[in-house]
Amino acid sequence: MMPWWFWILLWAVLALATLVFLGLCALHLYRKFMVMFDEVTTAGDALSLPPGEALEEDLGGRPRPPAGTAVLFRSRDAARREYDAGKQARRTARRERRIAGKHRRGQAQRVGDLYRRDVD
């Protein structure tokens, strides 16, 4: 039979070893998290654009649409006319990009695209 102080020493060593093991696991996870955070930050910086650049690219050079209270209190007919005009402008721009892309690649053009281009 072992003396009583041996049991206290044994459990103290086991508890200390457990705490050291948990501390090392926490340190390992912290380091992995910091590496992942740095990679996410780097990827976010690589993918982000300056604040106004994305909007201007999406608008295709058109003026920025109204926002805020000016949009809330305008008439329904004016909003519909603006929407329809924007829709037509987007269609025309899309058609022009398609025609230019096909011309650049040396592909045949759609007859409908060429006809509508003259009509618009």
PDB file of N, CA and C in Angstrom:
ATOM      1  N   MET A   1       0.835  -1.175   0.000  1.00  0.00           N
ATOM      2  CA  MET A   1       0.000   0.000   0.000  1.00  0.00           C
ATOM      3  C   MET A   1       0.883   1.242   0.000  1.00  0.00           C
ATOM      4  N   MET A   2       0.446   2.277  -0.755  1.00  0.00           N
ATOM      5  CA  MET A   2       1.242   3.497  -0.875  1.00  0.00           C
ATOM      6  C   MET A   2       0.786   4.504   0.175  1.00  0.00           C
ATOM      7  N   PRO A   3       1.711   5.369   0.574  1.00  0.00           N
ATOM      8  CA  PRO A   3       1.344   6.359   1.594  1.00  0.00           C
ATOM      9  C   PRO A   3       0.363   7.413   1.034  1.00  0.00           C
ATOM     10  N   TRP A   4      -0.319   8.125   1.896  1.00  0.00           N
ATOM     11  CA  TRP A   4      -1.345   9.103   1.515  1.00  0.00           C
ATOM     12  C   TRP A   4      -0.781  10.271   0.719  1.00  0.00           C
ATOM     13  N   TRP A   5       0.464  10.704   1.024  1.00  0.00           N
ATOM     14  CA  TRP A   5       1.038  11.854   0.328  1.00  0.00           C
ATOM     15  C   TRP A   5       1.352  11.534  -1.132  1.00  0.00           C
ATOM     16  N   PHE A   6       1.578  10.228  -1.425  1.00  0.00           N
ATOM     17  CA  PHE A   6       1.839   9.830  -2.800  1.00  0.00           C
ATOM     18  C   PHE A   6       0.606  10.075  -3.673  1.00  0.00           C
ATOM     19  N   TRP A   7      -0.576   9.750  -3.139  1.00  0.00           N
ATOM     20  CA  TRP A   7      -1.809   9.967  -3.884  1.00  0.00           C
ATOM     21  C   TRP A   7      -2.044  11.457  -4.157  1.00  0.00           C
ATOM     22  N   ILE A   8      -1.764  12.280  -3.205  1.00  0.00           N
ATOM     23  CA  ILE A   8      -1.910  13.732  -3.402  1.00  0.00           C
ATOM     24  C   ILE A   8      -0.926  14.218  -4.456  1.00  0.00           C
ATOM     25  N   LEU A   9       0.312  13.758  -4.379  1.00  0.00           N
ATOM     26  CA  LEU A   9       1.324  14.132  -5.366  1.00  0.00           C
ATOM     27  C   LEU A   9       0.948  13.627  -6.763  1.00  0.00           C
ATOM     28  N   LEU A  10       0.453  12.390  -6.842  1.00  0.00           N
ATOM     29  CA  LEU A  10       0.064  11.820  -8.128  1.00  0.00           C
ATOM     30  C   LEU A  10      -1.068  12.630  -8.781  1.00  0.00           C
ATOM     31  N   TRP A  11      -2.103  12.940  -8.008  1.00  0.00           N
ATOM     32  CA  TRP A  11      -3.220  13.712  -8.560  1.00  0.00           C
ATOM     33  C   TRP A  11      -2.812  15.146  -8.888  1.00  0.00           C
ATOM     34  N   ALA A  12      -1.926  15.714  -8.132  1.00  0.00           N
ATOM     35  CA  ALA A  12      -1.445  17.069  -8.431  1.00  0.00           C
ATOM     36  C   ALA A  12      -0.674  17.073  -9.752  1.00  0.00           C
ATOM     37  N   VAL A  13       0.171  16.075  -9.964  1.00  0.00           N
ATOM     38  CA  VAL A  13       0.936  15.977 -11.210  1.00  0.00           C
ATOM     39  C   VAL A  13      -0.011  15.741 -12.392  1.00  0.00           C
ATOM     40  N   LEU A  14      -0.994  14.864 -12.211  1.00  0.00           N
ATOM     41  CA  LEU A  14      -1.953  14.617 -13.285  1.00  0.00           C
ATOM     42  C   LEU A  14      -2.757  15.876 -13.628  1.00  0.00           C
ATOM     43  N   ALA A  15      -3.182  16.617 -12.629  1.00  0.00           N
ATOM     44  CA  ALA A  15      -3.933  17.853 -12.872  1.00  0.00           C
ATOM     45  C   ALA A  15      -3.049  18.883 -13.562  1.00  0.00           C
ATOM     46  N   LEU A  16      -1.800  19.011 -13.134  1.00  0.00           N
ATOM     47  CA  LEU A  16      -0.878  19.951 -13.763  1.00  0.00           C
ATOM     48  C   LEU A  16      -0.595  19.552 -15.210  1.00  0.00           C
ATOM     49  N   ALA A  17      -0.421  18.265 -15.470  1.00  0.00           N
ATOM     50  CA  ALA A  17      -0.187  17.793 -16.843  1.00  0.00           C
ATOM     51  C   ALA A  17      -1.409  18.073 -17.719  1.00  0.00           C
ATOM     52  N   THR A  18      -2.596  17.904 -17.165  1.00  0.00           N
ATOM     53  CA  THR A  18      -3.814  18.202 -17.919  1.00  0.00           C
ATOM     54  C   THR A  18      -3.886  19.682 -18.263  1.00  0.00           C
ATOM     55  N   LEU A  19      -3.570  20.543 -17.301  1.00  0.00           N
ATOM     56  CA  LEU A  19      -3.593  21.985 -17.554  1.00  0.00           C
ATOM     57  C   LEU A  19      -2.559  22.384 -18.597  1.00  0.00           C
ATOM     58  N   VAL A  20      -1.366  21.805 -18.546  1.00  0.00           N
ATOM     59  CA  VAL A  20      -0.336  22.102 -19.540  1.00  0.00           C
ATOM     60  C   VAL A  20      -0.796  21.644 -20.923  1.00  0.00           C
ATOM     61  N   PHE A  21      -1.384  20.440 -20.993  1.00  0.00           N
ATOM     62  CA  PHE A  21      -1.874  19.921 -22.267  1.00  0.00           C
ATOM     63  C   PHE A  21      -2.965  20.827 -22.838  1.00  0.00           C
ATOM     64  N   LEU A  22      -3.922  21.233 -22.023  1.00  0.00           N
ATOM     65  CA  LEU A  22      -4.984  22.117 -22.492  1.00  0.00           C
ATOM     66  C   LEU A  22      -4.434  23.479 -22.915  1.00  0.00           C
ATOM     67  N   GLY A  23      -3.441  23.981 -22.203  1.00  0.00           N
ATOM     68  CA  GLY A  23      -2.815  25.246 -22.574  1.00  0.00           C
ATOM     69  C   GLY A  23      -2.110  25.153 -23.922  1.00  0.00           C
ATOM     70  N   LEU A  24      -1.402  24.051 -24.151  1.00  0.00           N
ATOM     71  CA  LEU A  24      -0.729  23.861 -25.437  1.00  0.00           C
ATOM     72  C   LEU A  24      -1.739  23.711 -26.579  1.00  0.00           C
ATOM     73  N   CYS A  25      -2.850  23.024 -26.328  1.00  0.00           N
ATOM     74  CA  CYS A  25      -3.903  22.916 -27.354  1.00  0.00           C
ATOM     75  C   CYS A  25      -4.493  24.292 -27.659  1.00  0.00           C
ATOM     76  N   ALA A  26      -4.731  25.082 -26.624  1.00  0.00           N
ATOM     77  CA  ALA A  26      -5.279  26.424 -26.831  1.00  0.00           C
ATOM     78  C   ALA A  26      -4.294  27.293 -27.615  1.00  0.00           C
ATOM     79  N   LEU A  27      -3.016  27.200 -27.311  1.00  0.00           N
ATOM     80  CA  LEU A  27      -1.996  27.960 -28.039  1.00  0.00           C
ATOM     81  C   LEU A  27      -1.952  27.529 -29.504  1.00  0.00           C
ATOM     82  N   HIS A  28      -2.031  26.237 -29.747  1.00  0.00           N
ATOM     83  CA  HIS A  28      -2.031  25.723 -31.120  1.00  0.00           C
ATOM     84  C   HIS A  28      -3.245  26.248 -31.886  1.00  0.00           C
ATOM     85  N   LEU A  29      -4.428  26.194 -31.286  1.00  0.00           N
ATOM     86  CA  LEU A  29      -5.630  26.696 -31.939  1.00  0.00           C
ATOM     87  C   LEU A  29      -5.557  28.195 -32.179  1.00  0.00           C
ATOM     88  N   TYR A  30      -4.997  28.946 -31.237  1.00  0.00           N
ATOM     89  CA  TYR A  30      -4.852  30.392 -31.396  1.00  0.00           C
ATOM     90  C   TYR A  30      -3.949  30.714 -32.585  1.00  0.00           C
ATOM     91  N   ARG A  31      -2.839  30.010 -32.691  1.00  0.00           N
ATOM     92  CA  ARG A  31      -1.924  30.250 -33.811  1.00  0.00           C
ATOM     93  C   ARG A  31      -2.580  29.894 -35.143  1.00  0.00           C
ATOM     94  N   LYS A  32      -3.307  28.783 -35.194  1.00  0.00           N
ATOM     95  CA  LYS A  32      -4.004  28.402 -36.421  1.00  0.00           C
ATOM     96  C   LYS A  32      -5.058  29.446 -36.785  1.00  0.00           C
ATOM     97  N   PHE A  33      -5.780  29.953 -35.785  1.00  0.00           N
ATOM     98  CA  PHE A  33      -6.790  30.969 -36.032  1.00  0.00           C
ATOM     99  C   PHE A  33      -6.154  32.243 -36.569  1.00  0.00           C
ATOM    100  N   MET A  34      -5.022  32.651 -36.020  1.00  0.00           N
ATOM    101  CA  MET A  34      -4.370  33.875 -36.482  1.00  0.00           C
ATOM    102  C   MET A  34      -3.866  33.724 -37.914  1.00  0.00           C
ATOM    103  N   VAL A  35      -3.361  32.555 -38.277  1.00  0.00           N
ATOM    104  CA  VAL A  35      -2.935  32.310 -39.652  1.00  0.00           C
ATOM    105  C   VAL A  35      -4.137  32.383 -40.590  1.00  0.00           C
ATOM    106  N   MET A  36      -5.259  31.754 -40.180  1.00  0.00           N
ATOM    107  CA  MET A  36      -6.470  31.793 -40.995  1.00  0.00           C
ATOM    108  C   MET A  36      -6.985  33.226 -41.120  1.00  0.00           C
ATOM    109  N   PHE A  37      -6.963  33.981 -40.034  1.00  0.00           N
ATOM    110  CA  PHE A  37      -7.424  35.363 -40.062  1.00  0.00           C
ATOM    111  C   PHE A  37      -6.575  36.207 -41.007  1.00  0.00           C
ATOM    112  N   ASP A  38      -5.257  36.010 -40.994  1.00  0.00           N
ATOM    113  CA  ASP A  38      -4.378  36.732 -41.920  1.00  0.00           C
ATOM    114  C   ASP A  38      -4.682  36.378 -43.375  1.00  0.00           C
ATOM    115  N   GLU A  39      -4.947  35.093 -43.637  1.00  0.00           N
ATOM    116  CA  GLU A  39      -5.270  34.684 -45.004  1.00  0.00           C
ATOM    117  C   GLU A  39      -6.605  35.260 -45.461  1.00  0.00           C
ATOM    118  N   VAL A  40      -7.589  35.272 -44.567  1.00  0.00           N
ATOM    119  CA  VAL A  40      -8.892  35.844 -44.915  1.00  0.00           C
ATOM    120  C   VAL A  40      -8.752  37.340 -45.169  1.00  0.00           C
ATOM    121  N   THR A  41      -7.967  38.031 -44.349  1.00  0.00           N
ATOM    122  CA  THR A  41      -7.749  39.463 -44.543  1.00  0.00           C
ATOM    123  C   THR A  41      -7.049  39.732 -45.877  1.00  0.00           C
ATOM    124  N   THR A  42      -6.050  38.933 -46.197  1.00  0.00           N
ATOM    125  CA  THR A  42      -5.343  39.087 -47.469  1.00  0.00           C
ATOM    126  C   THR A  42      -6.281  38.836 -48.647  1.00  0.00           C
ATOM    127  N   ALA A  43      -7.106  37.794 -48.548  1.00  0.00           N
ATOM    128  CA  ALA A  43      -8.056  37.505 -49.627  1.00  0.00           C
ATOM    129  C   ALA A  43      -9.090  38.614 -49.745  1.00  0.00           C
ATOM    130  N   GLY A  44      -9.547  39.144 -48.627  1.00  0.00           N
ATOM    131  CA  GLY A  44     -10.518  40.237 -48.670  1.00  0.00           C
ATOM    132  C   GLY A  44      -9.934  41.484 -49.291  1.00  0.00           C
ATOM    133  N   ASP A  45      -8.681  41.780 -48.967  1.00  0.00           N
ATOM    134  CA  ASP A  45      -8.028  42.945 -49.568  1.00  0.00           C
ATOM    135  C   ASP A  45      -7.839  42.762 -51.070  1.00  0.00           C
ATOM    136  N   ALA A  46      -7.552  41.530 -51.468  1.00  0.00           N
ATOM    137  CA  ALA A  46      -7.347  41.274 -52.893  1.00  0.00           C
ATOM    138  C   ALA A  46      -8.660  41.376 -53.674  1.00  0.00           C
ATOM    139  N   LEU A  47      -9.761  41.011 -53.039  1.00  0.00           N
ATOM    140  CA  LEU A  47     -11.043  41.014 -53.728  1.00  0.00           C
ATOM    141  C   LEU A  47     -11.783  42.338 -53.643  1.00  0.00           C
ATOM    142  N   SER A  48     -11.420  43.164 -52.690  1.00  0.00           N
ATOM    143  CA  SER A  48     -12.181  44.400 -52.499  1.00  0.00           C
ATOM    144  C   SER A  48     -11.775  45.448 -53.534  1.00  0.00           C
ATOM    145  N   LEU A  49     -12.738  46.282 -53.856  1.00  0.00           N
ATOM    146  CA  LEU A  49     -12.514  47.388 -54.782  1.00  0.00           C
ATOM    147  C   LEU A  49     -12.677  48.687 -54.013  1.00  0.00           C
ATOM    148  N   PRO A  50     -12.140  49.770 -54.521  1.00  0.00           N
ATOM    149  CA  PRO A  50     -12.404  51.060 -53.889  1.00  0.00           C
ATOM    150  C   PRO A  50     -13.907  51.322 -53.866  1.00  0.00           C
ATOM    151  N   PRO A  51     -14.400  52.063 -52.881  1.00  0.00           N
ATOM    152  CA  PRO A  51     -15.846  52.192 -52.679  1.00  0.00           C
ATOM    153  C   PRO A  51     -16.644  52.635 -53.901  1.00  0.00           C
ATOM    154  N   GLY A  52     -16.185  53.603 -54.651  1.00  0.00           N
ATOM    155  CA  GLY A  52     -16.966  54.098 -55.769  1.00  0.00           C
ATOM    156  C   GLY A  52     -16.752  53.346 -57.059  1.00  0.00           C
ATOM    157  N   GLU A  53     -15.701  52.562 -57.145  1.00  0.00           N
ATOM    158  CA  GLU A  53     -15.353  51.924 -58.408  1.00  0.00           C
ATOM    159  C   GLU A  53     -16.371  50.869 -58.816  1.00  0.00           C
ATOM    160  N   ALA A  54     -16.851  50.069 -57.887  1.00  0.00           N
ATOM    161  CA  ALA A  54     -17.799  49.008 -58.222  1.00  0.00           C
ATOM    162  C   ALA A  54     -19.100  49.613 -58.728  1.00  0.00           C
ATOM    163  N   LEU A  55     -19.567  50.686 -58.112  1.00  0.00           N
ATOM    164  CA  LEU A  55     -20.823  51.299 -58.528  1.00  0.00           C
ATOM    165  C   LEU A  55     -20.688  51.909 -59.911  1.00  0.00           C
ATOM    166  N   GLU A  56     -19.608  52.602 -60.170  1.00  0.00           N
ATOM    167  CA  GLU A  56     -19.418  53.215 -61.481  1.00  0.00           C
ATOM    168  C   GLU A  56     -19.305  52.156 -62.568  1.00  0.00           C
ATOM    169  N   GLU A  57     -18.670  51.040 -62.252  1.00  0.00           N
ATOM    170  CA  GLU A  57     -18.545  49.971 -63.235  1.00  0.00           C
ATOM    171  C   GLU A  57     -19.922  49.377 -63.532  1.00  0.00           C
ATOM    172  N   ASP A  58     -20.745  49.189 -62.522  1.00  0.00           N
ATOM    173  CA  ASP A  58     -22.073  48.642 -62.721  1.00  0.00           C
ATOM    174  C   ASP A  58     -22.970  49.607 -63.486  1.00  0.00           C
ATOM    175  N   LEU A  59     -22.789  50.894 -63.286  1.00  0.00           N
ATOM    176  CA  LEU A  59     -23.639  51.870 -63.945  1.00  0.00           C
ATOM    177  C   LEU A  59     -23.269  52.070 -65.405  1.00  0.00           C
ATOM    178  N   GLY A  60     -22.067  51.702 -65.780  1.00  0.00           N
ATOM    179  CA  GLY A  60     -21.653  51.844 -67.167  1.00  0.00           C
ATOM    180  C   GLY A  60     -21.551  53.288 -67.610  1.00  0.00           C
ATOM    181  N   GLY A  61     -21.169  54.189 -66.718  1.00  0.00           N
ATOM    182  CA  GLY A  61     -21.002  55.587 -67.073  1.00  0.00           C
ATOM    183  C   GLY A  61     -22.275  56.411 -66.942  1.00  0.00           C
ATOM    184  N   ARG A  62     -23.406  55.782 -66.637  1.00  0.00           N
ATOM    185  CA  ARG A  62     -24.646  56.532 -66.450  1.00  0.00           C
ATOM    186  C   ARG A  62     -24.616  57.257 -65.113  1.00  0.00           C
ATOM    187  N   PRO A  63     -25.390  58.314 -64.957  1.00  0.00           N
ATOM    188  CA  PRO A  63     -25.414  59.009 -63.674  1.00  0.00           C
ATOM    189  C   PRO A  63     -26.025  58.126 -62.585  1.00  0.00           C
ATOM    190  N   ARG A  64     -25.628  58.388 -61.367  1.00  0.00           N
ATOM    191  CA  ARG A  64     -26.109  57.611 -60.228  1.00  0.00           C
ATOM    192  C   ARG A  64     -27.605  57.858 -60.034  1.00  0.00           C
ATOM    193  N   PRO A  65     -28.386  56.808 -59.815  1.00  0.00           N
ATOM    194  CA  PRO A  65     -29.822  57.000 -59.620  1.00  0.00           C
ATOM    195  C   PRO A  65     -30.105  57.717 -58.304  1.00  0.00           C
ATOM    196  N   PRO A  66     -31.241  58.403 -58.208  1.00  0.00           N
ATOM    197  CA  PRO A  66     -31.552  59.107 -56.974  1.00  0.00           C
ATOM    198  C   PRO A  66     -31.755  58.126 -55.827  1.00  0.00           C
ATOM    199  N   ALA A  67     -31.481  58.593 -54.629  1.00  0.00           N
ATOM    200  CA  ALA A  67     -31.621  57.733 -53.448  1.00  0.00           C
ATOM    201  C   ALA A  67     -32.170  58.558 -52.300  1.00  0.00           C
ATOM    202  N   GLY A  68     -32.609  57.876 -51.276  1.00  0.00           N
ATOM    203  CA  GLY A  68     -33.077  58.551 -50.067  1.00  0.00           C
ATOM    204  C   GLY A  68     -34.513  59.023 -50.188  1.00  0.00           C
ATOM    205  N   THR A  69     -34.811  60.163 -49.558  1.00  0.00           N
ATOM    206  CA  THR A  69     -36.182  60.664 -49.524  1.00  0.00           C
ATOM    207  C   THR A  69     -36.651  61.152 -50.883  1.00  0.00           C
ATOM    208  N   ALA A  70     -35.735  61.547 -51.763  1.00  0.00           N
ATOM    209  CA  ALA A  70     -36.140  61.988 -53.103  1.00  0.00           C
ATOM    210  C   ALA A  70     -36.833  60.850 -53.857  1.00  0.00           C
ATOM    211  N   VAL A  71     -36.438  59.638 -53.621  1.00  0.00           N
ATOM    212  CA  VAL A  71     -37.042  58.493 -54.283  1.00  0.00           C
ATOM    213  C   VAL A  71     -38.385  58.153 -53.646  1.00  0.00           C
ATOM    214  N   LEU A  72     -38.495  58.338 -52.359  1.00  0.00           N
ATOM    215  CA  LEU A  72     -39.726  57.966 -51.665  1.00  0.00           C
ATOM    216  C   LEU A  72     -40.914  58.833 -52.055  1.00  0.00           C
ATOM    217  N   PHE A  73     -40.680  60.096 -52.313  1.00  0.00           N
ATOM    218  CA  PHE A  73     -41.780  61.026 -52.505  1.00  0.00           C
ATOM    219  C   PHE A  73     -41.991  61.449 -53.956  1.00  0.00           C
ATOM    220  N   ARG A  74     -41.493  60.690 -54.918  1.00  0.00           N
ATOM    221  CA  ARG A  74     -41.765  61.037 -56.308  1.00  0.00           C
ATOM    222  C   ARG A  74     -42.977  60.247 -56.787  1.00  0.00           C
ATOM    223  N   SER A  75     -43.539  60.675 -57.894  1.00  0.00           N
ATOM    224  CA  SER A  75     -44.770  60.049 -58.372  1.00  0.00           C
ATOM    225  C   SER A  75     -44.484  58.665 -58.954  1.00  0.00           C
ATOM    226  N   ARG A  76     -45.507  57.865 -58.975  1.00  0.00           N
ATOM    227  CA  ARG A  76     -45.381  56.516 -59.503  1.00  0.00           C
ATOM    228  C   ARG A  76     -45.083  56.545 -61.004  1.00  0.00           C
ATOM    229  N   ASP A  77     -45.703  57.477 -61.707  1.00  0.00           N
ATOM    230  CA  ASP A  77     -45.479  57.565 -63.159  1.00  0.00           C
ATOM    231  C   ASP A  77     -44.041  57.949 -63.478  1.00  0.00           C
ATOM    232  N   ALA A  78     -43.482  58.886 -62.711  1.00  0.00           N
ATOM    233  CA  ALA A  78     -42.087  59.287 -62.942  1.00  0.00           C
ATOM    234  C   ALA A  78     -41.143  58.123 -62.654  1.00  0.00           C
ATOM    235  N   ALA A  79     -41.408  57.386 -61.582  1.00  0.00           N
ATOM    236  CA  ALA A  79     -40.570  56.232 -61.255  1.00  0.00           C
ATOM    237  C   ALA A  79     -40.660  55.178 -62.351  1.00  0.00           C
ATOM    238  N   ARG A  80     -41.854  54.941 -62.887  1.00  0.00           N
ATOM    239  CA  ARG A  80     -42.028  53.950 -63.947  1.00  0.00           C
ATOM    240  C   ARG A  80     -41.295  54.374 -65.208  1.00  0.00           C
ATOM    241  N   ARG A  81     -41.395  55.671 -65.578  1.00  0.00           N
ATOM    242  CA  ARG A  81     -40.692  56.158 -66.770  1.00  0.00           C
ATOM    243  C   ARG A  81     -39.179  56.011 -66.604  1.00  0.00           C
ATOM    244  N   GLU A  82     -38.683  56.347 -65.417  1.00  0.00           N
ATOM    245  CA  GLU A  82     -37.239  56.218 -65.181  1.00  0.00           C
ATOM    246  C   GLU A  82     -36.802  54.758 -65.231  1.00  0.00           C
ATOM    247  N   TYR A  83     -37.610  53.874 -64.655  1.00  0.00           N
ATOM    248  CA  TYR A  83     -37.284  52.455 -64.682  1.00  0.00           C
ATOM    249  C   TYR A  83     -37.263  51.929 -66.110  1.00  0.00           C
ATOM    250  N   ASP A  84     -38.275  52.284 -66.886  1.00  0.00           N
ATOM    251  CA  ASP A  84     -38.334  51.822 -68.276  1.00  0.00           C
ATOM    252  C   ASP A  84     -37.172  52.362 -69.106  1.00  0.00           C
ATOM    253  N   ALA A  85     -36.810  53.628 -68.887  1.00  0.00           N
ATOM    254  CA  ALA A  85     -35.678  54.204 -69.617  1.00  0.00           C
ATOM    255  C   ALA A  85     -34.377  53.497 -69.235  1.00  0.00           C
ATOM    256  N   GLY A  86     -34.201  53.219 -67.950  1.00  0.00           N
ATOM    257  CA  GLY A  86     -33.009  52.497 -67.511  1.00  0.00           C
ATOM    258  C   GLY A  86     -32.967  51.088 -68.050  1.00  0.00           C
ATOM    259  N   LYS A  87     -34.131  50.445 -68.093  1.00  0.00           N
ATOM    260  CA  LYS A  87     -34.200  49.088 -68.621  1.00  0.00           C
ATOM    261  C   LYS A  87     -33.785  49.066 -70.089  1.00  0.00           C
ATOM    262  N   GLN A  88     -34.278  50.022 -70.847  1.00  0.00           N
ATOM    263  CA  GLN A  88     -33.925  50.101 -72.275  1.00  0.00           C
ATOM    264  C   GLN A  88     -32.437  50.404 -72.439  1.00  0.00           C
ATOM    265  N   ALA A  89     -31.897  51.278 -71.594  1.00  0.00           N
ATOM    266  CA  ALA A  89     -30.469  51.605 -71.678  1.00  0.00           C
ATOM    267  C   ALA A  89     -29.622  50.381 -71.345  1.00  0.00           C
ATOM    268  N   ARG A  90     -30.038  49.602 -70.348  1.00  0.00           N
ATOM    269  CA  ARG A  90     -29.296  48.390 -70.010  1.00  0.00           C
ATOM    270  C   ARG A  90     -29.355  47.368 -71.144  1.00  0.00           C
ATOM    271  N   ARG A  91     -30.509  47.232 -71.768  1.00  0.00           N
ATOM    272  CA  ARG A  91     -30.625  46.310 -72.905  1.00  0.00           C
ATOM    273  C   ARG A  91     -29.704  46.725 -74.047  1.00  0.00           C
ATOM    274  N   THR A  92     -29.722  48.020 -74.344  1.00  0.00           N
ATOM    275  CA  THR A  92     -28.883  48.531 -75.429  1.00  0.00           C
ATOM    276  C   THR A  92     -27.403  48.328 -75.115  1.00  0.00           C
ATOM    277  N   ALA A  93     -27.016  48.619 -73.873  1.00  0.00           N
ATOM    278  CA  ALA A  93     -25.613  48.444 -73.488  1.00  0.00           C
ATOM    279  C   ALA A  93     -25.206  46.981 -73.562  1.00  0.00           C
ATOM    280  N   ARG A  94     -26.091  46.085 -73.129  1.00  0.00           N
ATOM    281  CA  ARG A  94     -25.804  44.654 -73.192  1.00  0.00           C
ATOM    282  C   ARG A  94     -25.660  44.200 -74.640  1.00  0.00           C
ATOM    283  N   ARG A  95     -26.532  44.678 -75.513  1.00  0.00           N
ATOM    284  CA  ARG A  95     -26.456  44.330 -76.927  1.00  0.00           C
ATOM    285  C   ARG A  95     -25.152  44.843 -77.536  1.00  0.00           C
ATOM    286  N   GLU A  96     -24.771  46.077 -77.198  1.00  0.00           N
ATOM    287  CA  GLU A  96     -23.527  46.644 -77.737  1.00  0.00           C
ATOM    288  C   GLU A  96     -22.316  45.843 -77.255  1.00  0.00           C
ATOM    289  N   ARG A  97     -22.330  45.426 -75.976  1.00  0.00           N
ATOM    290  CA  ARG A  97     -21.214  44.612 -75.476  1.00  0.00           C
ATOM    291  C   ARG A  97     -21.163  43.264 -76.187  1.00  0.00           C
ATOM    292  N   ARG A  98     -22.336  42.669 -76.445  1.00  0.00           N
ATOM    293  CA  ARG A  98     -22.378  41.385 -77.142  1.00  0.00           C
ATOM    294  C   ARG A  98     -21.840  41.526 -78.562  1.00  0.00           C
ATOM    295  N   ILE A  99     -22.258  42.570 -79.261  1.00  0.00           N
ATOM    296  CA  ILE A  99     -21.793  42.791 -80.635  1.00  0.00           C
ATOM    297  C   ILE A  99     -20.295  43.043 -80.652  1.00  0.00           C
ATOM    298  N   ALA A 100     -19.801  43.868 -79.720  1.00  0.00           N
ATOM    299  CA  ALA A 100     -18.363  44.159 -79.674  1.00  0.00           C
ATOM    300  C   ALA A 100     -17.562  42.904 -79.345  1.00  0.00           C
ATOM    301  N   GLY A 101     -18.076  42.078 -78.428  1.00  0.00           N
ATOM    302  CA  GLY A 101     -17.367  40.849 -78.082  1.00  0.00           C
ATOM    303  C   GLY A 101     -17.308  39.873 -79.238  1.00  0.00           C
ATOM    304  N   LYS A 102     -18.417  39.737 -79.944  1.00  0.00           N
ATOM    305  CA  LYS A 102     -18.413  38.838 -81.098  1.00  0.00           C
ATOM    306  C   LYS A 102     -17.501  39.373 -82.192  1.00  0.00           C
ATOM    307  N   HIS A 103     -17.478  40.683 -82.377  1.00  0.00           N
ATOM    308  CA  HIS A 103     -16.584  41.282 -83.377  1.00  0.00           C
ATOM    309  C   HIS A 103     -15.125  41.038 -82.996  1.00  0.00           C
ATOM    310  N   ARG A 104     -14.811  41.191 -81.707  1.00  0.00           N
ATOM    311  CA  ARG A 104     -13.445  40.971 -81.229  1.00  0.00           C
ATOM    312  C   ARG A 104     -13.009  39.521 -81.432  1.00  0.00           C
ATOM    313  N   ARG A 105     -13.933  38.590 -81.213  1.00  0.00           N
ATOM    314  CA  ARG A 105     -13.594  37.168 -81.353  1.00  0.00           C
ATOM    315  C   ARG A 105     -13.735  36.670 -82.784  1.00  0.00           C
ATOM    316  N   GLY A 106     -14.221  37.522 -83.690  1.00  0.00           N
ATOM    317  CA  GLY A 106     -14.360  37.129 -85.086  1.00  0.00           C
ATOM    318  C   GLY A 106     -15.544  36.208 -85.327  1.00  0.00           C
ATOM    319  N   GLN A 107     -16.558  36.281 -84.468  1.00  0.00           N
ATOM    320  CA  GLN A 107     -17.734  35.433 -84.632  1.00  0.00           C
ATOM    321  C   GLN A 107     -18.790  36.140 -85.468  1.00  0.00           C
ATOM    322  N   ALA A 108     -19.698  35.364 -85.994  1.00  0.00           N
ATOM    323  CA  ALA A 108     -20.788  35.918 -86.790  1.00  0.00           C
ATOM    324  C   ALA A 108     -21.756  36.664 -85.878  1.00  0.00           C
ATOM    325  N   GLN A 109     -22.321  37.726 -86.406  1.00  0.00           N
ATOM    326  CA  GLN A 109     -23.270  38.533 -85.641  1.00  0.00           C
ATOM    327  C   GLN A 109     -24.689  38.033 -85.861  1.00  0.00           C
ATOM    328  N   ARG A 110     -25.536  38.296 -84.876  1.00  0.00           N
ATOM    329  CA  ARG A 110     -26.962  38.018 -85.049  1.00  0.00           C
ATOM    330  C   ARG A 110     -27.565  39.094 -85.948  1.00  0.00           C
ATOM    331  N   VAL A 111     -28.420  38.680 -86.850  1.00  0.00           N
ATOM    332  CA  VAL A 111     -29.081  39.647 -87.724  1.00  0.00           C
ATOM    333  C   VAL A 111     -29.971  40.556 -86.886  1.00  0.00           C
ATOM    334  N   GLY A 112     -30.643  39.978 -85.898  1.00  0.00           N
ATOM    335  CA  GLY A 112     -31.514  40.767 -85.030  1.00  0.00           C
ATOM    336  C   GLY A 112     -30.761  41.832 -84.258  1.00  0.00           C
ATOM    337  N   ASP A 113     -29.553  41.525 -83.812  1.00  0.00           N
ATOM    338  CA  ASP A 113     -28.741  42.520 -83.107  1.00  0.00           C
ATOM    339  C   ASP A 113     -28.386  43.670 -84.020  1.00  0.00           C
ATOM    340  N   LEU A 114     -27.986  43.333 -85.230  1.00  0.00           N
ATOM    341  CA  LEU A 114     -27.594  44.392 -86.158  1.00  0.00           C
ATOM    342  C   LEU A 114     -28.796  45.227 -86.577  1.00  0.00           C
ATOM    343  N   TYR A 115     -29.948  44.613 -86.739  1.00  0.00           N
ATOM    344  CA  TYR A 115     -31.145  45.340 -87.125  1.00  0.00           C
ATOM    345  C   TYR A 115     -31.604  46.245 -85.981  1.00  0.00           C
ATOM    346  N   ARG A 116     -31.677  45.676 -84.763  1.00  0.00           N
ATOM    347  CA  ARG A 116     -32.114  46.481 -83.602  1.00  0.00           C
ATOM    348  C   ARG A 116     -31.153  47.620 -83.319  1.00  0.00           C
ATOM    349  N   ARG A 117     -29.891  47.400 -83.600  1.00  0.00           N
ATOM    350  CA  ARG A 117     -28.903  48.443 -83.362  1.00  0.00           C
ATOM    351  C   ARG A 117     -29.208  49.666 -84.209  1.00  0.00           C
ATOM    352  N   ASP A 118     -29.657  49.454 -85.445  1.00  0.00           N
ATOM    353  CA  ASP A 118     -29.993  50.562 -86.304  1.00  0.00           C
ATOM    354  C   ASP A 118     -31.311  51.218 -85.894  1.00  0.00           C
ATOM    355  N   VAL A 119     -32.244  50.426 -85.336  1.00  0.00           N
ATOM    356  CA  VAL A 119     -33.557  50.946 -84.968  1.00  0.00           C
ATOM    357  C   VAL A 119     -33.475  51.766 -83.710  1.00  0.00           C
ATOM    358  N   ASP A 120     -32.708  51.311 -82.689  1.00  0.00           N
ATOM    359  CA  ASP A 120     -32.620  52.015 -81.403  1.00  0.00           C
ATOM    360  C   ASP A 120     -32.058  53.349 -81.578  1.00  0.00           C
TER     361      ASP A 120
END
